Amino acid sequence: MGVAREYSYDYYTKNNNRIIKIAEENNKKIRMRERFFNNLFSFLLYFSCIVILFLLAYLLIQRNSLIVKSKAESLYLDNDIRAKELCIENLESEISENLDLNMIENKAANELNLIYPSLAQTIYIKRKWEYSADEENEVVNCVSKINLGEYDDEEEE
């Protein structure tokens, strides 16, 4: 059988001090590790918040730039429409000015040297319209008779 050794009080206190030191060192390592992870977590949290804020600012700026671009395009198109409307109005005024029959007649006679045809060069057309109605079908037939030939001055009067 073995006999238990008796150790002095100093032995126990030295061992306890060493165990306490080892425990304190382990606790210090654990606290440093916890502090590191806490710092890392807080850094990542702050960094992600900053990144999210920058993304939101970028999206806001991008959206506003699209709005400004579309407004500029609509303004450009409005100006283009106004210019084309003015051009149309100018062309319509030119057409109405050129539709003056006296002016057309003067241009034809003076610039193009056109003359009126003589009586021998003209052919007149007489039209007589006859209408008949069918009461059963309620259809109106229109028949025209065209007479070609010399125009009689007596019939005109």
Protein backbone atom coordinates (compact mmCIF):
# COMPACT_ATOMS: atom_id res chain seq x y z
CA MET A 1 0.00 0.00 0.00
CA GLY A 2 1.07 3.39 -0.73
CA VAL A 3 1.57 5.99 1.80
CA ALA A 4 0.24 9.43 1.05
CA ARG A 5 2.68 12.16 1.11
CA GLU A 6 2.12 15.12 3.12
CA TYR A 7 2.90 18.38 1.50
CA SER A 8 3.50 21.59 3.25
CA TYR A 9 1.24 24.65 3.02
CA ASP A 10 3.72 26.35 0.77
CA TYR A 11 3.50 23.60 -1.81
CA TYR A 12 -0.25 23.97 -2.05
CA THR A 13 -0.13 27.71 -2.24
CA LYS A 14 2.55 27.60 -4.95
CA ASN A 15 0.51 25.12 -6.93
CA ASN A 16 -2.61 27.15 -6.39
CA ASN A 17 -0.83 30.29 -7.49
CA ARG A 18 0.42 28.51 -10.60
CA ILE A 19 -3.09 27.20 -11.33
CA ILE A 20 -4.50 30.64 -10.76
CA LYS A 21 -1.91 32.14 -13.11
CA ILE A 22 -2.69 29.54 -15.76
CA ALA A 23 -6.41 30.18 -15.30
CA GLU A 24 -5.84 33.94 -15.48
CA GLU A 25 -3.75 33.52 -18.64
CA ASN A 26 -6.47 31.34 -20.17
CA ASN A 27 -9.11 33.87 -19.12
CA LYS A 28 -6.98 36.67 -20.57
CA LYS A 29 -6.70 34.77 -23.88
CA ILE A 30 -10.43 34.12 -23.88
CA ARG A 31 -11.15 37.79 -23.11
CA MET A 32 -8.78 38.89 -25.87
CA ARG A 33 -10.43 36.47 -28.30
CA GLU A 34 -13.89 37.72 -27.24
CA ARG A 35 -12.74 41.34 -27.56
CA PHE A 36 -11.29 40.60 -30.99
CA PHE A 37 -14.53 39.01 -32.21
CA ASN A 38 -16.60 41.79 -30.64
CA ASN A 39 -14.41 44.37 -32.37
CA LEU A 40 -14.59 42.43 -35.63
CA PHE A 41 -18.37 42.13 -35.37
CA SER A 42 -18.79 45.84 -34.63
CA PHE A 43 -16.41 46.72 -37.48
CA LEU A 44 -18.34 44.52 -39.91
CA LEU A 45 -21.63 45.97 -38.69
CA TYR A 46 -20.41 49.57 -39.16
CA PHE A 47 -18.85 48.71 -42.50
CA SER A 48 -22.03 47.05 -43.78
CA CYS A 49 -24.10 50.07 -42.61
CA ILE A 50 -21.76 52.42 -44.46
CA VAL A 51 -21.88 50.25 -47.60
CA ILE A 52 -25.68 50.17 -47.45
CA LEU A 53 -25.79 53.96 -47.04
CA PHE A 54 -23.50 54.41 -50.04
CA LEU A 55 -25.62 52.03 -52.10
CA LEU A 56 -28.78 53.91 -51.18
CA ALA A 57 -27.12 57.23 -52.05
CA TYR A 58 -25.95 55.78 -55.38
CA LEU A 59 -29.43 54.47 -56.18
CA LEU A 60 -30.97 57.82 -55.26
CA ILE A 61 -28.53 59.69 -57.48
CA GLN A 62 -29.07 57.18 -60.31
CA ARG A 63 -32.86 57.53 -60.08
CA ASN A 64 -32.65 61.32 -60.04
CA SER A 65 -30.34 61.27 -63.06
CA LEU A 66 -32.86 59.12 -64.95
CA ILE A 67 -35.63 61.56 -64.04
CA VAL A 68 -33.56 64.53 -65.21
CA LYS A 69 -32.65 62.70 -68.41
CA SER A 70 -36.28 61.89 -69.19
CA LYS A 71 -37.30 65.50 -68.46
CA ALA A 72 -34.56 66.74 -70.80
CA GLU A 73 -35.73 64.34 -73.53
CA SER A 74 -39.34 65.45 -73.13
CA LEU A 75 -38.26 69.10 -73.26
CA TYR A 76 -36.25 68.39 -76.41
CA LEU A 77 -39.22 66.59 -77.98
CA ASP A 78 -41.57 69.44 -77.01
CA ASN A 79 -39.24 71.94 -78.65
CA ASP A 80 -39.01 69.72 -81.72
CA ILE A 81 -42.81 69.47 -81.89
CA ARG A 82 -43.15 73.25 -81.60
CA ALA A 83 -40.61 73.76 -84.39
CA LYS A 84 -42.43 71.30 -86.63
CA GLU A 85 -45.79 72.92 -85.86
CA LEU A 86 -44.33 76.30 -86.84
CA CYS A 87 -42.99 74.76 -90.04
CA ILE A 88 -46.42 73.28 -90.79
CA GLU A 89 -48.07 76.65 -90.18
CA ASN A 90 -45.56 78.34 -92.51
CA LEU A 91 -46.20 75.73 -95.21
CA GLU A 92 -49.97 76.09 -94.80
CA SER A 93 -49.67 79.87 -95.15
CA GLU A 94 -47.54 79.40 -98.28
CA ILE A 95 -50.13 76.99 -99.68
CA SER A 96 -52.97 79.39 -98.95
CA GLU A 97 -50.99 82.23 -100.58
CA ASN A 98 -50.27 80.09 -103.63
CA LEU A 99 -53.90 79.03 -103.97
CA ASP A 100 -54.90 82.52 -105.01
CA LEU A 101 -56.32 81.86 -108.48
CA ASN A 102 -55.43 85.29 -109.85
CA MET A 103 -51.82 84.80 -108.83
CA ILE A 104 -51.76 81.35 -110.42
CA GLU A 105 -53.25 82.80 -113.59
CA ASN A 106 -50.65 85.60 -113.65
CA LYS A 107 -47.77 83.16 -113.12
CA ALA A 108 -49.10 80.87 -115.85
CA ALA A 109 -49.49 83.75 -118.31
CA ASN A 110 -46.33 85.71 -117.48
CA GLU A 111 -43.72 83.19 -116.33
CA LEU A 112 -44.78 80.05 -118.18
CA ASN A 113 -46.19 81.82 -121.27
CA LEU A 114 -49.38 79.80 -121.23
CA ILE A 115 -52.37 81.02 -123.22
CA TYR A 116 -56.04 80.18 -123.23
CA PRO A 117 -57.14 77.58 -125.81
CA SER A 118 -59.06 78.74 -128.82
CA LEU A 119 -62.64 77.65 -129.44
CA ALA A 120 -61.45 75.08 -131.96
CA GLN A 121 -59.22 73.48 -129.31
CA THR A 122 -61.89 73.09 -126.65
CA ILE A 123 -64.31 70.23 -126.16
CA TYR A 124 -67.33 70.69 -123.93
CA ILE A 125 -69.18 67.90 -122.15
CA LYS A 126 -72.91 67.99 -121.45
CA ARG A 127 -74.31 65.86 -118.70
CA LYS A 128 -77.89 64.93 -118.17
CA TRP A 129 -78.73 63.04 -115.00
CA GLU A 130 -81.71 60.75 -114.78
CA TYR A 131 -82.83 59.34 -111.45
CA SER A 132 -85.15 56.40 -110.91
CA ALA A 133 -86.27 55.02 -107.58
CA ASP A 134 -87.40 51.47 -106.96
CA GLU A 135 -89.93 51.58 -104.16
CA GLU A 136 -89.70 47.91 -103.29
CA ASN A 137 -85.92 47.86 -102.78
CA GLU A 138 -85.59 51.58 -102.05
CA VAL A 139 -82.56 51.80 -104.32
CA VAL A 140 -81.77 54.94 -106.26
CA ASN A 141 -80.13 54.41 -109.61
CA CYS A 142 -78.16 57.23 -111.11
CA VAL A 143 -77.54 57.21 -114.84
CA SER A 144 -75.53 59.85 -116.61
CA LYS A 145 -75.57 60.53 -120.28
CA ILE A 146 -72.53 62.25 -121.69
CA ASN A 147 -72.70 64.04 -125.01
CA LEU A 148 -69.38 64.81 -126.59
CA GLY A 149 -69.10 67.37 -129.28
CA GLU A 150 -69.08 71.05 -129.99
CA TYR A 151 -70.66 73.21 -127.35
CA ASP A 152 -73.62 75.19 -128.59
CA ASP A 153 -73.70 78.80 -127.52
CA GLU A 154 -77.46 78.82 -127.83
CA GLU A 155 -77.96 76.12 -125.18
CA GLU A 156 -75.80 77.99 -122.71
CA GLU A 157 -78.05 81.03 -122.75
